[in-house]
Amino acid sequence: MISSSALLGNLVAILQPHPCCEKVIAIETREFSPDQYMIKIRADLKTGKKFQVRLYCNHGHIDYAYQLFSDVPLLRWDNKEEFCSISTYPHHHHDEMGNIKPSPLVGDPIADLKVVLAETE
């Protein structure tokens, strides 16, 4: 499993040079043990919107939420285990109308972040 500092560094390295991002900040990091930690990163986008990555890693399992928002949530991808009828369960996407849809994400933060950024452009 990747360490919290390595994962944080990799995610920031993807976000900072991305053409949509203006400013990237690690909002919160907590390490409970080497195998259990939480990371929250926020990026200001050139559109005036914000993008947030929240990851909770626990002994190899990763709970994630990627969210595009302004004053209100606009788009979100997460793997909270609540929509078992979705074909990509537990991975799902909340669209701008609040509909729950299948998600292309797989729970790999490095690969998933690139997919989410491409979809938010």
C-alpha atoms as a PDB file:
ATOM      1  CA  MET A   1       0.000   0.000   0.000  1.00  0.00           C
ATOM      2  CA  ILE A   2       1.237   3.495  -0.826  1.00  0.00           C
ATOM      3  CA  SER A   3       2.107   5.802   2.084  1.00  0.00           C
ATOM      4  CA  SER A   4       0.026   8.877   2.819  1.00  0.00           C
ATOM      5  CA  SER A   5       2.849  11.260   1.906  1.00  0.00           C
ATOM      6  CA  ALA A   6       3.565   9.451  -1.377  1.00  0.00           C
ATOM      7  CA  LEU A   7      -0.115   9.393  -2.353  1.00  0.00           C
ATOM      8  CA  LEU A   8      -0.536  13.065  -1.448  1.00  0.00           C
ATOM      9  CA  GLY A   9       2.541  13.950  -3.498  1.00  0.00           C
ATOM     10  CA  ASN A  10       1.300  11.982  -6.512  1.00  0.00           C
ATOM     11  CA  LEU A  11      -2.157  13.581  -6.416  1.00  0.00           C
ATOM     12  CA  VAL A  12      -0.778  17.112  -6.059  1.00  0.00           C
ATOM     13  CA  ALA A  13       1.643  16.383  -8.921  1.00  0.00           C
ATOM     14  CA  ILE A  14      -1.351  15.552 -11.143  1.00  0.00           C
ATOM     15  CA  LEU A  15      -3.466  18.525 -10.049  1.00  0.00           C
ATOM     16  CA  GLN A  16      -0.918  21.378  -9.945  1.00  0.00           C
ATOM     17  CA  PRO A  17       0.102  21.354 -13.627  1.00  0.00           C
ATOM     18  CA  HIS A  18      -3.403  20.538 -14.884  1.00  0.00           C
ATOM     19  CA  PRO A  19      -4.651  23.304 -17.225  1.00  0.00           C
ATOM     20  CA  CYS A  20      -7.939  23.685 -15.280  1.00  0.00           C
ATOM     21  CA  CYS A  21      -6.281  24.256 -11.889  1.00  0.00           C
ATOM     22  CA  GLU A  22      -5.071  27.553 -10.492  1.00  0.00           C
ATOM     23  CA  LYS A  23      -4.235  26.694  -6.889  1.00  0.00           C
ATOM     24  CA  VAL A  24      -3.937  23.343  -5.107  1.00  0.00           C
ATOM     25  CA  ILE A  25      -3.905  22.995  -1.320  1.00  0.00           C
ATOM     26  CA  ALA A  26      -3.772  19.994   1.006  1.00  0.00           C
ATOM     27  CA  ILE A  27      -6.667  20.918   3.305  1.00  0.00           C
ATOM     28  CA  GLU A  28      -6.286  18.045   5.729  1.00  0.00           C
ATOM     29  CA  THR A  29      -4.099  15.004   6.238  1.00  0.00           C
ATOM     30  CA  ARG A  30      -4.355  12.600   9.142  1.00  0.00           C
ATOM     31  CA  GLU A  31      -2.292   9.503   9.655  1.00  0.00           C
ATOM     32  CA  PHE A  32      -3.735   7.065  12.173  1.00  0.00           C
ATOM     33  CA  SER A  33      -1.163   4.395  11.287  1.00  0.00           C
ATOM     34  CA  PRO A  34       0.979   3.655   8.198  1.00  0.00           C
ATOM     35  CA  ASP A  35      -1.971   1.654   6.806  1.00  0.00           C
ATOM     36  CA  GLN A  36      -4.771   4.009   7.858  1.00  0.00           C
ATOM     37  CA  TYR A  37      -4.936   7.663   6.838  1.00  0.00           C
ATOM     38  CA  MET A  38      -7.088  10.412   5.393  1.00  0.00           C
ATOM     39  CA  ILE A  39      -6.235  12.999   2.732  1.00  0.00           C
ATOM     40  CA  LYS A  40      -8.272  15.998   1.602  1.00  0.00           C
ATOM     41  CA  ILE A  41      -7.057  18.226  -1.241  1.00  0.00           C
ATOM     42  CA  ARG A  42      -8.834  21.233  -2.737  1.00  0.00           C
ATOM     43  CA  ALA A  43      -8.129  22.964  -6.032  1.00  0.00           C
ATOM     44  CA  ASP A  44      -9.365  26.343  -7.212  1.00  0.00           C
ATOM     45  CA  LEU A  45     -10.291  26.062 -10.865  1.00  0.00           C
ATOM     46  CA  LYS A  46      -9.947  28.727 -13.537  1.00  0.00           C
ATOM     47  CA  THR A  47     -13.744  28.620 -13.980  1.00  0.00           C
ATOM     48  CA  GLY A  48     -14.220  29.901 -10.421  1.00  0.00           C
ATOM     49  CA  LYS A  49     -15.419  26.493  -9.244  1.00  0.00           C
ATOM     50  CA  LYS A  50     -13.626  24.272  -6.766  1.00  0.00           C
ATOM     51  CA  PHE A  51     -12.593  20.642  -6.954  1.00  0.00           C
ATOM     52  CA  GLN A  52     -12.006  18.428  -3.938  1.00  0.00           C
ATOM     53  CA  VAL A  53     -10.424  15.020  -3.457  1.00  0.00           C
ATOM     54  CA  ARG A  54     -11.146  13.163  -0.223  1.00  0.00           C
ATOM     55  CA  LEU A  55      -9.579   9.763   0.429  1.00  0.00           C
ATOM     56  CA  TYR A  56      -9.742   7.508   3.451  1.00  0.00           C
ATOM     57  CA  CYS A  57      -7.304   4.599   3.231  1.00  0.00           C
ATOM     58  CA  ASN A  58      -7.692   1.701   5.645  1.00  0.00           C
ATOM     59  CA  HIS A  59      -5.437  -1.361   5.317  1.00  0.00           C
ATOM     60  CA  GLY A  60      -5.542  -1.434   1.517  1.00  0.00           C
ATOM     61  CA  HIS A  61      -9.181  -0.362   1.074  1.00  0.00           C
ATOM     62  CA  ILE A  62      -9.781   3.183  -0.180  1.00  0.00           C
ATOM     63  CA  ASP A  63     -13.000   5.144   0.300  1.00  0.00           C
ATOM     64  CA  TYR A  64     -13.023   8.119  -2.042  1.00  0.00           C
ATOM     65  CA  ALA A  65     -15.056  11.174  -3.002  1.00  0.00           C
ATOM     66  CA  TYR A  66     -14.163  13.545  -5.832  1.00  0.00           C
ATOM     67  CA  GLN A  67     -16.371  16.611  -5.999  1.00  0.00           C
ATOM     68  CA  LEU A  68     -16.791  19.615  -8.274  1.00  0.00           C
ATOM     69  CA  PHE A  69     -18.638  22.442  -6.538  1.00  0.00           C
ATOM     70  CA  SER A  70     -19.331  26.145  -6.360  1.00  0.00           C
ATOM     71  CA  ASP A  71     -21.780  27.317  -3.687  1.00  0.00           C
ATOM     72  CA  VAL A  72     -23.430  23.904  -4.050  1.00  0.00           C
ATOM     73  CA  PRO A  73     -22.251  20.442  -5.101  1.00  0.00           C
ATOM     74  CA  LEU A  74     -22.245  20.089  -8.892  1.00  0.00           C
ATOM     75  CA  LEU A  75     -20.716  16.686  -9.650  1.00  0.00           C
ATOM     76  CA  ARG A  76     -19.481  13.928  -7.362  1.00  0.00           C
ATOM     77  CA  TRP A  77     -17.920  10.503  -7.773  1.00  0.00           C
ATOM     78  CA  ASP A  78     -17.658   8.215  -4.750  1.00  0.00           C
ATOM     79  CA  ASN A  79     -17.751   4.639  -3.576  1.00  0.00           C
ATOM     80  CA  LYS A  80     -19.976   4.919  -0.524  1.00  0.00           C
ATOM     81  CA  GLU A  81     -21.771   1.586  -0.378  1.00  0.00           C
ATOM     82  CA  GLU A  82     -25.334   2.834  -0.734  1.00  0.00           C
ATOM     83  CA  PHE A  83     -26.504   2.305  -4.331  1.00  0.00           C
ATOM     84  CA  CYS A  84     -26.279  -1.476  -4.761  1.00  0.00           C
ATOM     85  CA  SER A  85     -28.509  -1.454  -7.863  1.00  0.00           C
ATOM     86  CA  ILE A  86     -25.870   0.467  -9.872  1.00  0.00           C
ATOM     87  CA  SER A  87     -23.941  -1.808 -12.257  1.00  0.00           C
ATOM     88  CA  THR A  88     -20.602  -0.398 -11.070  1.00  0.00           C
ATOM     89  CA  TYR A  89     -21.451  -0.758  -7.356  1.00  0.00           C
ATOM     90  CA  PRO A  90     -20.043   0.613  -5.119  1.00  0.00           C
ATOM     91  CA  HIS A  91     -18.578   3.138  -7.588  1.00  0.00           C
ATOM     92  CA  HIS A  92     -21.134   5.735  -8.672  1.00  0.00           C
ATOM     93  CA  HIS A  93     -21.525   9.266  -9.990  1.00  0.00           C
ATOM     94  CA  HIS A  94     -23.877  12.043  -8.856  1.00  0.00           C
ATOM     95  CA  ASP A  95     -24.616  14.273 -11.844  1.00  0.00           C
ATOM     96  CA  GLU A  96     -25.577  17.963 -11.870  1.00  0.00           C
ATOM     97  CA  MET A  97     -29.275  17.056 -11.605  1.00  0.00           C
ATOM     98  CA  GLY A  98     -28.715  14.800  -8.583  1.00  0.00           C
ATOM     99  CA  ASN A  99     -29.136  11.586 -10.563  1.00  0.00           C
ATOM    100  CA  ILE A 100     -27.074   8.572  -9.535  1.00  0.00           C
ATOM    101  CA  LYS A 101     -25.278   6.887 -12.439  1.00  0.00           C
ATOM    102  CA  PRO A 102     -22.659   4.191 -13.024  1.00  0.00           C
ATOM    103  CA  SER A 103     -19.084   5.399 -12.673  1.00  0.00           C
ATOM    104  CA  PRO A 104     -15.945   4.536 -14.662  1.00  0.00           C
ATOM    105  CA  LEU A 105     -13.831   4.812 -11.488  1.00  0.00           C
ATOM    106  CA  VAL A 106     -12.234   1.725  -9.957  1.00  0.00           C
ATOM    107  CA  GLY A 107     -10.783   2.904  -6.637  1.00  0.00           C
ATOM    108  CA  ASP A 108      -7.237   3.640  -7.831  1.00  0.00           C
ATOM    109  CA  PRO A 109      -6.729   7.308  -6.852  1.00  0.00           C
ATOM    110  CA  ILE A 110      -4.013   8.042  -9.427  1.00  0.00           C
ATOM    111  CA  ALA A 111      -5.943   6.599 -12.381  1.00  0.00           C
ATOM    112  CA  ASP A 112      -9.329   7.805 -11.116  1.00  0.00           C
ATOM    113  CA  LEU A 113      -8.195  11.406 -10.635  1.00  0.00           C
ATOM    114  CA  LYS A 114      -7.159  11.595 -14.282  1.00  0.00           C
ATOM    115  CA  VAL A 115     -10.580  10.277 -15.379  1.00  0.00           C
ATOM    116  CA  VAL A 116     -12.452  12.722 -13.140  1.00  0.00           C
ATOM    117  CA  LEU A 117     -10.386  15.698 -14.335  1.00  0.00           C
ATOM    118  CA  ALA A 118     -11.077  14.766 -17.952  1.00  0.00           C
ATOM    119  CA  GLU A 119     -14.810  14.547 -17.214  1.00  0.00           C
ATOM    120  CA  THR A 120     -14.916  17.925 -15.433  1.00  0.00           C
ATOM    121  CA  GLU A 121     -13.212  19.842 -18.261  1.00  0.00           C
END
